Amino acid sequence: MDRRRIRELSGREAGRFADRTRGSEALFRRASGALAGGVSSSFHSHEPWPVYIARGEGARVWDVDGNEYVDFHNGFSAMVQGHANPAVVEAVSERVALGTHFGATSEDAVAVAEELTRRFGLERWRFTNSGTEANMAAIRLARAFTGREAVVQMAGAYHGHAEISHLHEVDFNAPEALERRIAELEPACVIMEGAMTSVGLVLPEPGYLDAVRKLTRRRGVVLILDEVKTGLTIAAGGAVERLGAQPDIVTLAKSLGAGLPTGAVGMTAELAELVEDGRVRLFGTYNGNPLGMAAASASLQEVLTPAAYRELDRLGARMLAGCERVIEEGGLTAGCVGLGSKGCVRWEGDRELGELIWTWLMNRGVYTTAGREQEWNLSVAHDDRSVDRYLEVFGGLVAELSPRLSGSARA
């Protein structure tokens, strides 16, 4: 691609973005006096300022300037139920009037654990408040079970912001390298995603997950499947169901709470014995909070149904095929990959182009995740019009960049 053209469009779009988001600029200046960096999480940061979202409904969100967006960010995939889903709103509204916290287990927590057992096939569950906490608990449990310390993860993976000691990396989709690492380290656990989601989207090669399962089982290593992003989004039972993964422990968060801070750790009955007899004590004042459990129960029972997953698969396939078509028609080179409600276009780490794509989409009412590959996360509230809008806007940029199509493009 013409780098000069990318820089020209980037300058123009940056100016347009600034003009559209003056309310976010003002709020950023105010926030910077009280919030570190002006944001609640480092993931929210963006130059020249972050976009501050005021509200959401269904597949759409509105920022503090009143700009409306079709939402393909979806809270880093947490909002597969869609914003302000009526079933979730009703459940949380009823629950909040009855009290929001007791430091005791609610009936909804029991119902959620029963449904997760059905979906993921693991006999026992405990709740947390985030994916970071869920992965911390899983690693702690694996270390106690094996009496070992080392932890192996995949290179480029993200399993939360906790500092994990004795952490070692190995490449994804490389079972021979993993076997050598395990022989060298004798780790307590391997923690991994069934499909990597922190470097765009990387699918497992055929036979890879089976090889990991056989290897870890043979060497007495606990296999932790981080389903914080894939659990409940790519299938009812996440990568366990869709990709055939067979873990000893599953961790969930994000989409579990339908927008409320909720996480979970699922474990085999053998591992659960350590928790049940007190050898491992998993604490948390807000674990299984009634609001989060009410939201999760409504989501699992009423929203994330078999019909919902069929529709997410259909729309995801349309997104993937549409992006591939737009890129091919433009004569550009990029890799497209999809998995149920999730997908991305990979531009081989071209940060300058990635920033242009994000700004271009945002300026035309398509909300996506800043600072990452060109990713999308669908919800049950998306429909064909949502997908068509994304493809129309993305196609406009490809036309601007394409040697074949430039001149016919519309800003």
Protein backbone atom coordinates (compact mmCIF):
# COMPACT_ATOMS: atom_id res chain seq x y z
CA MET A 1 0.00 0.00 0.00
CA ASP A 2 1.00 3.60 -0.55
CA ARG A 3 2.40 4.78 2.80
CA ARG A 4 2.02 8.39 1.79
CA ARG A 5 -1.68 7.82 1.15
CA ILE A 6 -2.06 6.17 4.57
CA ARG A 7 -0.43 9.16 6.26
CA GLU A 8 -2.58 11.60 4.27
CA LEU A 9 -5.79 9.82 5.26
CA SER A 10 -4.61 9.45 8.85
CA GLY A 11 -4.08 13.19 9.19
CA ARG A 12 -7.46 13.99 7.73
CA GLU A 13 -9.30 11.41 9.85
CA ALA A 14 -7.50 12.47 13.03
CA GLY A 15 -8.77 16.01 12.53
CA ARG A 16 -12.27 14.78 11.88
CA PHE A 17 -12.13 12.60 15.00
CA ALA A 18 -11.02 15.56 17.13
CA ASP A 19 -13.87 17.71 15.83
CA ARG A 20 -16.46 14.99 16.58
CA THR A 21 -15.28 14.27 20.12
CA ARG A 22 -14.78 17.64 21.81
CA GLY A 23 -16.93 16.48 24.71
CA SER A 24 -14.60 13.55 25.26
CA GLU A 25 -11.66 15.94 25.07
CA ALA A 26 -13.15 18.12 27.80
CA LEU A 27 -13.97 15.14 29.99
CA PHE A 28 -10.45 13.78 29.49
CA ARG A 29 -8.95 17.04 30.72
CA ARG A 30 -11.21 16.93 33.77
CA ALA A 31 -10.58 13.23 34.39
CA SER A 32 -6.82 13.65 34.20
CA GLY A 33 -6.98 15.65 37.42
CA ALA A 34 -8.38 12.72 39.40
CA LEU A 35 -8.00 9.47 37.43
CA ALA A 36 -4.50 8.23 36.62
CA GLY A 37 -4.15 8.89 32.91
CA GLY A 38 -7.74 10.08 32.81
CA VAL A 39 -9.12 6.53 32.58
CA SER A 40 -10.27 3.66 34.78
CA SER A 41 -8.10 1.06 33.02
CA SER A 42 -4.97 1.30 30.92
CA PHE A 43 -6.90 -0.50 28.18
CA HIS A 44 -9.09 2.62 27.84
CA SER A 45 -6.23 4.98 26.96
CA HIS A 46 -5.97 6.38 23.46
CA GLU A 47 -4.35 9.36 21.73
CA PRO A 48 -5.20 12.20 21.62
CA TRP A 49 -7.91 11.28 24.16
CA PRO A 50 -10.20 8.32 24.83
CA VAL A 51 -13.82 8.24 23.78
CA TYR A 52 -16.09 8.35 26.83
CA ILE A 53 -19.27 6.30 26.39
CA ALA A 54 -22.49 7.58 27.96
CA ARG A 55 -24.98 4.78 27.29
CA GLY A 56 -25.77 1.69 25.25
CA GLU A 57 -28.83 -0.12 23.99
CA GLY A 58 -28.83 -3.33 22.00
CA ALA A 59 -26.05 -3.21 19.44
CA ARG A 60 -25.48 0.54 19.73
CA VAL A 61 -23.67 2.95 22.05
CA TRP A 62 -23.57 6.73 22.35
CA ASP A 63 -20.60 8.80 23.50
CA VAL A 64 -20.69 11.95 25.62
CA ASP A 65 -20.82 14.05 22.44
CA GLY A 66 -23.99 12.28 21.36
CA ASN A 67 -22.31 10.38 18.52
CA GLU A 68 -24.06 7.08 17.82
CA TYR A 69 -22.09 3.93 16.98
CA VAL A 70 -22.85 0.37 15.97
CA ASP A 71 -20.85 -1.46 18.63
CA PHE A 72 -18.36 -4.10 17.50
CA HIS A 73 -16.13 -3.48 20.52
CA ASN A 74 -18.73 -4.84 22.96
CA GLY A 75 -16.69 -4.24 26.08
CA PHE A 76 -13.79 -6.43 24.91
CA SER A 77 -16.38 -9.15 24.06
CA ALA A 78 -18.11 -8.97 27.47
CA MET A 79 -21.45 -7.81 26.05
CA VAL A 80 -22.47 -10.75 23.87
CA GLN A 81 -25.97 -10.26 25.38
CA GLY A 82 -26.18 -6.75 23.92
CA HIS A 83 -26.44 -3.57 25.96
CA ALA A 84 -29.30 -3.24 28.45
CA ASN A 85 -30.71 -6.60 27.44
CA PRO A 86 -34.31 -6.61 28.76
CA ALA A 87 -34.00 -10.00 30.51
CA VAL A 88 -30.84 -8.92 32.30
CA VAL A 89 -32.23 -5.48 33.19
CA GLU A 90 -35.32 -7.08 34.71
CA ALA A 91 -33.33 -9.62 36.72
CA VAL A 92 -30.89 -7.03 38.10
CA SER A 93 -33.67 -4.52 38.85
CA GLU A 94 -35.56 -7.11 40.87
CA ARG A 95 -32.43 -8.20 42.68
CA VAL A 96 -31.17 -4.71 43.57
CA ALA A 97 -34.37 -3.94 45.44
CA LEU A 98 -33.82 -7.02 47.61
CA GLY A 99 -30.28 -6.13 48.63
CA THR A 100 -26.99 -6.07 46.77
CA HIS A 101 -24.55 -7.84 49.09
CA PHE A 102 -24.67 -10.17 52.09
CA GLY A 103 -21.39 -12.07 52.15
CA ALA A 104 -23.43 -15.23 51.66
CA THR A 105 -24.29 -17.50 48.72
CA SER A 106 -27.49 -16.82 46.78
CA GLU A 107 -29.77 -19.30 45.04
CA ASP A 108 -28.84 -17.68 41.72
CA ALA A 109 -25.21 -18.68 42.35
CA VAL A 110 -26.29 -22.31 42.67
CA ALA A 111 -28.31 -22.09 39.44
CA VAL A 112 -25.39 -20.52 37.56
CA ALA A 113 -22.98 -23.20 38.77
CA GLU A 114 -25.41 -25.92 37.71
CA GLU A 115 -25.73 -24.44 34.22
CA LEU A 116 -21.97 -24.00 33.83
CA THR A 117 -21.47 -27.64 34.83
CA ARG A 118 -23.88 -28.63 32.09
CA ARG A 119 -22.18 -26.45 29.49
CA PHE A 120 -18.52 -27.09 30.28
CA GLY A 121 -18.61 -30.56 31.83
CA LEU A 122 -16.61 -29.67 34.95
CA GLU A 123 -18.13 -30.81 38.23
CA ARG A 124 -17.43 -27.92 40.62
CA TRP A 125 -17.35 -24.11 40.40
CA ARG A 126 -16.33 -21.09 42.43
CA PHE A 127 -16.95 -17.45 41.55
CA THR A 128 -14.65 -14.42 41.37
CA ASN A 129 -15.02 -10.83 40.19
CA SER A 130 -12.77 -10.78 37.13
CA GLY A 131 -10.74 -12.87 34.74
CA THR A 132 -7.53 -11.86 36.49
CA GLU A 133 -8.89 -13.20 39.79
CA ALA A 134 -10.17 -16.38 38.15
CA ASN A 135 -6.77 -17.13 36.61
CA MET A 136 -4.99 -16.35 39.88
CA ALA A 137 -7.24 -18.82 41.68
CA ALA A 138 -6.73 -21.46 38.99
CA ILE A 139 -2.94 -21.21 39.17
CA ARG A 140 -3.04 -21.32 42.96
CA LEU A 141 -5.15 -24.46 42.82
CA ALA A 142 -2.83 -26.11 40.27
CA ARG A 143 0.24 -25.34 42.39
CA ALA A 144 -1.36 -26.79 45.49
CA PHE A 145 -2.45 -29.92 43.63
CA THR A 146 0.96 -30.64 42.07
CA GLY A 147 3.30 -29.18 44.68
CA ARG A 148 5.15 -27.38 41.89
CA GLU A 149 5.63 -23.69 41.10
CA ALA A 150 6.42 -23.17 37.40
CA VAL A 151 3.68 -21.92 35.08
CA VAL A 152 3.78 -22.22 31.28
CA GLN A 153 1.76 -19.93 29.03
CA MET A 154 1.72 -19.23 25.29
CA ALA A 155 3.93 -16.45 23.92
CA GLY A 156 1.89 -13.28 23.47
CA ALA A 157 -0.94 -14.46 25.70
CA TYR A 158 -2.63 -12.29 28.32
CA HIS A 159 -4.17 -13.93 31.38
CA GLY A 160 -4.75 -10.84 33.51
CA HIS A 161 -2.61 -8.17 35.10
CA ALA A 162 -1.40 -10.16 38.11
CA GLU A 163 2.35 -10.68 38.42
CA ILE A 164 2.90 -14.45 38.20
CA SER A 165 6.26 -15.70 39.43
CA HIS A 166 8.06 -18.63 37.77
CA LEU A 167 6.30 -17.86 34.48
CA HIS A 168 7.64 -19.29 31.21
CA GLU A 169 6.45 -19.02 27.62
CA VAL A 170 6.24 -21.31 24.62
CA ASP A 171 4.81 -20.78 21.14
CA PHE A 172 1.17 -21.59 20.43
CA ASN A 173 0.53 -24.41 17.93
CA ALA A 174 3.95 -25.94 18.71
CA PRO A 175 3.37 -29.17 20.65
CA GLU A 176 7.00 -30.30 20.32
CA ALA A 177 8.23 -27.08 21.89
CA LEU A 178 5.71 -27.47 24.71
CA GLU A 179 6.87 -31.02 25.33
CA ARG A 180 10.48 -29.84 25.67
CA ARG A 181 9.42 -27.02 28.00
CA ILE A 182 7.47 -29.36 30.24
CA ALA A 183 10.35 -31.83 30.40
CA GLU A 184 12.70 -28.99 31.34
CA LEU A 185 10.52 -27.25 33.93
CA GLU A 186 8.13 -29.88 35.35
CA PRO A 187 5.52 -27.11 35.76
CA ALA A 188 2.44 -27.04 37.92
CA CYS A 189 0.25 -26.04 35.00
CA VAL A 190 -0.11 -24.94 31.44
CA ILE A 191 -2.50 -22.00 31.12
CA MET A 192 -3.75 -21.24 27.63
CA GLU A 193 -6.69 -20.21 25.48
CA GLY A 194 -8.25 -22.66 23.05
CA ALA A 195 -7.86 -19.94 20.43
CA MET A 196 -5.54 -17.03 21.15
CA THR A 197 -7.41 -13.73 21.41
CA SER A 198 -4.78 -11.22 22.57
CA VAL A 199 -2.91 -11.14 19.26
CA GLY A 200 -5.89 -10.74 17.00
CA LEU A 201 -7.38 -14.23 16.70
CA VAL A 202 -5.24 -17.34 16.20
CA LEU A 203 -6.99 -20.68 15.81
CA PRO A 204 -5.49 -23.97 16.94
CA GLU A 205 -4.16 -26.20 14.20
CA PRO A 206 -5.87 -29.58 13.76
CA GLY A 207 -4.82 -31.98 16.51
CA TYR A 208 -3.01 -29.36 18.57
CA LEU A 209 -5.39 -29.21 21.54
CA ASP A 210 -5.55 -32.99 21.70
CA ALA A 211 -1.75 -33.13 21.72
CA VAL A 212 -1.58 -30.61 24.58
CA ARG A 213 -4.14 -32.59 26.57
CA LYS A 214 -2.29 -35.90 26.12
CA LEU A 215 1.06 -34.32 26.95
CA THR A 216 -0.08 -32.56 30.11
CA ARG A 217 -1.98 -35.58 31.32
CA ARG A 218 1.03 -37.86 30.76
CA ARG A 219 3.33 -35.53 32.70
CA GLY A 220 0.90 -34.80 35.55
CA VAL A 221 0.53 -31.12 34.59
CA VAL A 222 -2.75 -29.31 35.27
CA LEU A 223 -4.27 -27.88 32.08
CA ILE A 224 -6.01 -24.54 32.64
CA LEU A 225 -8.19 -23.28 29.79
CA ASP A 226 -8.61 -19.51 29.96
CA GLU A 227 -12.09 -18.93 28.51
CA VAL A 228 -12.40 -15.35 29.70
CA LYS A 229 -12.95 -14.24 26.09
CA THR A 230 -14.09 -17.43 24.38
CA GLY A 231 -16.36 -18.86 27.07
CA LEU A 232 -20.05 -18.17 26.26
CA THR A 233 -19.10 -16.14 23.17
CA ILE A 234 -17.99 -18.69 20.56
CA ALA A 235 -20.39 -21.40 21.78
CA ALA A 236 -22.59 -22.21 24.76
CA GLY A 237 -19.66 -24.18 26.18
CA GLY A 238 -16.89 -22.03 24.74
CA ALA A 239 -13.76 -23.72 23.40
CA VAL A 240 -14.58 -26.86 25.38
CA GLU A 241 -17.60 -27.35 23.14
CA ARG A 242 -16.52 -25.73 19.90
CA LEU A 243 -12.86 -26.76 19.74
CA GLY A 244 -13.00 -29.97 21.73
CA ALA A 245 -10.66 -28.80 24.50
CA GLN A 246 -10.49 -31.03 27.59
CA PRO A 247 -9.12 -28.99 30.50
CA ASP A 248 -8.78 -29.71 34.20
CA ILE A 249 -9.77 -26.12 35.02
CA VAL A 250 -11.75 -23.53 33.07
CA THR A 251 -11.76 -19.82 33.88
CA LEU A 252 -14.57 -17.48 32.84
CA ALA A 253 -15.32 -13.77 33.19
CA LYS A 254 -16.34 -10.95 30.79
CA SER A 255 -19.56 -12.24 29.17
CA LEU A 256 -20.56 -14.33 32.20
CA GLY A 257 -21.90 -11.34 34.14
CA ALA A 258 -23.63 -9.63 31.19
CA GLY A 259 -21.76 -6.43 32.01
CA LEU A 260 -21.40 -6.88 35.76
CA PRO A 261 -17.95 -7.78 37.17
CA THR A 262 -18.16 -11.55 37.51
CA GLY A 263 -15.73 -14.43 36.99
CA ALA A 264 -15.72 -18.16 37.61
CA VAL A 265 -13.39 -21.12 38.06
CA GLY A 266 -14.59 -24.54 36.98
CA MET A 267 -12.67 -27.62 38.14
CA THR A 268 -12.74 -31.38 38.15
CA ALA A 269 -14.08 -33.14 41.23
CA GLU A 270 -10.54 -34.29 42.04
CA LEU A 271 -9.20 -30.74 42.10
CA ALA A 272 -12.26 -29.52 43.99
CA GLU A 273 -11.36 -31.80 46.89
CA LEU A 274 -8.56 -29.38 47.80
CA VAL A 275 -11.11 -26.57 48.13
CA GLU A 276 -13.75 -28.65 49.86
CA ASP A 277 -11.41 -30.02 52.54
CA GLY A 278 -9.81 -26.63 53.17
CA ARG A 279 -6.32 -27.28 51.80
CA VAL A 280 -6.93 -24.44 49.31
CA ARG A 281 -9.13 -21.59 50.49
CA LEU A 282 -10.57 -19.38 47.76
CA PHE A 283 -11.73 -16.13 49.33
CA GLY A 284 -13.37 -12.98 47.99
CA THR A 285 -15.82 -10.67 49.74
CA TYR A 286 -17.76 -10.07 46.54
CA ASN A 287 -17.43 -13.56 45.05
CA GLY A 288 -20.86 -14.66 43.84
CA ASN A 289 -22.31 -11.20 44.43
CA PRO A 290 -26.13 -11.35 44.14
CA LEU A 291 -26.30 -8.76 41.34
CA GLY A 292 -23.72 -10.53 39.21
CA MET A 293 -25.35 -13.90 39.81
CA ALA A 294 -28.81 -12.57 38.94
CA ALA A 295 -27.44 -11.15 35.69
CA ALA A 296 -25.54 -14.35 34.87
CA SER A 297 -28.54 -16.56 35.59
CA ALA A 298 -30.87 -14.52 33.38
CA SER A 299 -28.25 -14.42 30.62
CA LEU A 300 -27.62 -18.17 30.66
CA GLN A 301 -31.27 -19.19 30.90
CA GLU A 302 -33.02 -16.58 28.74
CA VAL A 303 -30.51 -14.90 26.41
CA LEU A 304 -27.65 -17.20 25.40
CA THR A 305 -29.88 -19.92 23.99
CA PRO A 306 -29.18 -22.44 21.20
CA ALA A 307 -31.05 -20.17 18.77
CA ALA A 308 -28.89 -17.22 19.83
CA TYR A 309 -25.69 -19.14 19.06
CA ARG A 310 -26.99 -20.23 15.67
CA GLU A 311 -27.62 -16.58 14.81
CA LEU A 312 -24.22 -15.47 16.12
CA ASP A 313 -22.59 -18.12 13.92
CA ARG A 314 -24.55 -16.96 10.90
CA LEU A 315 -23.69 -13.29 11.40
CA GLY A 316 -20.06 -14.14 12.17
CA ALA A 317 -19.80 -16.05 8.90
CA ARG A 318 -21.27 -13.03 7.05
CA MET A 319 -18.73 -10.72 8.69
CA LEU A 320 -15.84 -12.97 7.77
CA ALA A 321 -16.94 -13.52 4.19
CA GLY A 322 -17.71 -9.82 3.76
CA CYS A 323 -14.30 -8.68 4.99
CA GLU A 324 -12.58 -11.23 2.76
CA ARG A 325 -14.59 -10.01 -0.22
CA VAL A 326 -13.84 -6.33 0.44
CA ILE A 327 -10.10 -7.01 0.75
CA GLU A 328 -10.01 -9.17 -2.38
CA GLU A 329 -11.94 -6.62 -4.44
CA GLY A 330 -9.49 -3.95 -3.32
CA GLY A 331 -6.48 -6.02 -4.25
CA LEU A 332 -5.04 -5.72 -0.75
CA THR A 333 -3.30 -8.40 1.32
CA ALA A 334 -4.55 -9.30 4.79
CA GLY A 335 -5.58 -12.39 6.69
CA CYS A 336 -9.15 -12.82 7.91
CA VAL A 337 -10.16 -15.25 10.64
CA GLY A 338 -13.42 -15.82 12.49
CA LEU A 339 -14.77 -18.01 15.27
CA GLY A 340 -18.45 -17.69 16.06
CA SER A 341 -19.16 -14.17 17.31
CA LYS A 342 -15.48 -13.15 17.15
CA GLY A 343 -13.15 -12.33 14.28
CA CYS A 344 -10.44 -10.06 12.99
CA VAL A 345 -8.57 -8.82 9.94
CA ARG A 346 -4.83 -9.19 10.42
CA TRP A 347 -2.62 -6.53 8.82
CA GLU A 348 0.68 -8.08 9.94
CA GLY A 349 1.25 -5.66 12.80
CA ASP A 350 0.93 -2.50 10.68
CA ARG A 351 0.26 -0.08 13.55
CA GLU A 352 -0.05 2.99 11.31
CA LEU A 353 -2.69 1.29 9.18
CA GLY A 354 -4.41 -0.12 12.24
CA GLU A 355 -4.79 3.32 13.75
CA LEU A 356 -6.19 4.67 10.48
CA ILE A 357 -8.75 1.85 10.29
CA TRP A 358 -9.90 2.48 13.86
CA THR A 359 -10.26 6.23 13.33
CA TRP A 360 -11.98 5.80 9.96
CA LEU A 361 -14.54 3.40 11.43
CA MET A 362 -15.16 5.56 14.50
CA ASN A 363 -15.70 8.67 12.39
CA ARG A 364 -18.45 6.82 10.52
CA GLY A 365 -20.28 5.42 13.51
CA VAL A 366 -18.63 2.00 13.88
CA TYR A 367 -17.20 1.42 17.35
CA THR A 368 -14.26 -1.00 17.59
CA THR A 369 -11.37 -1.68 19.96
CA ALA A 370 -8.53 0.83 19.78
CA GLY A 371 -4.88 -0.17 19.70
CA ARG A 372 -5.43 -3.73 18.49
CA GLU A 373 -5.91 -5.68 15.28
CA GLN A 374 -9.09 -4.94 13.33
CA GLU A 375 -11.29 -7.04 15.61
CA TRP A 376 -15.01 -7.51 15.91
CA ASN A 377 -17.21 -8.90 18.68
CA LEU A 378 -20.84 -9.56 17.88
CA SER A 379 -23.80 -9.68 20.25
CA VAL A 380 -27.27 -11.19 20.08
CA ALA A 381 -28.53 -7.67 19.36
CA HIS A 382 -26.60 -7.40 16.08
CA ASP A 383 -28.38 -8.13 12.84
CA ASP A 384 -27.75 -8.08 9.09
CA ARG A 385 -28.00 -4.30 8.99
CA SER A 386 -25.26 -4.04 11.62
CA VAL A 387 -22.99 -6.27 9.56
CA ASP A 388 -23.83 -4.42 6.34
CA ARG A 389 -22.96 -1.10 7.96
CA TYR A 390 -19.57 -2.38 9.09
CA LEU A 391 -18.77 -3.77 5.64
CA GLU A 392 -19.93 -0.59 3.91
CA VAL A 393 -17.69 1.62 6.05
CA PHE A 394 -14.71 -0.74 5.86
CA GLY A 395 -15.21 -1.02 2.10
CA GLY A 396 -15.02 2.76 1.81
CA LEU A 397 -11.57 2.80 3.37
CA VAL A 398 -10.33 -0.08 1.24
CA ALA A 399 -11.50 1.83 -1.83
CA GLU A 400 -9.45 4.83 -0.70
CA LEU A 401 -6.35 2.69 -0.24
CA SER A 402 -6.73 0.37 -3.21
CA PRO A 403 -4.77 1.02 -6.41
CA ARG A 404 -7.70 -0.58 -8.24
CA LEU A 405 -10.52 1.39 -6.64
CA SER A 406 -9.13 4.79 -5.62
CA GLY A 407 -11.04 7.54 -7.32
CA SER A 408 -14.36 5.75 -6.91
CA ALA A 409 -14.21 5.98 -3.11
CA ARG A 410 -16.45 8.20 -1.02
CA ALA A 411 -15.30 9.72 2.26
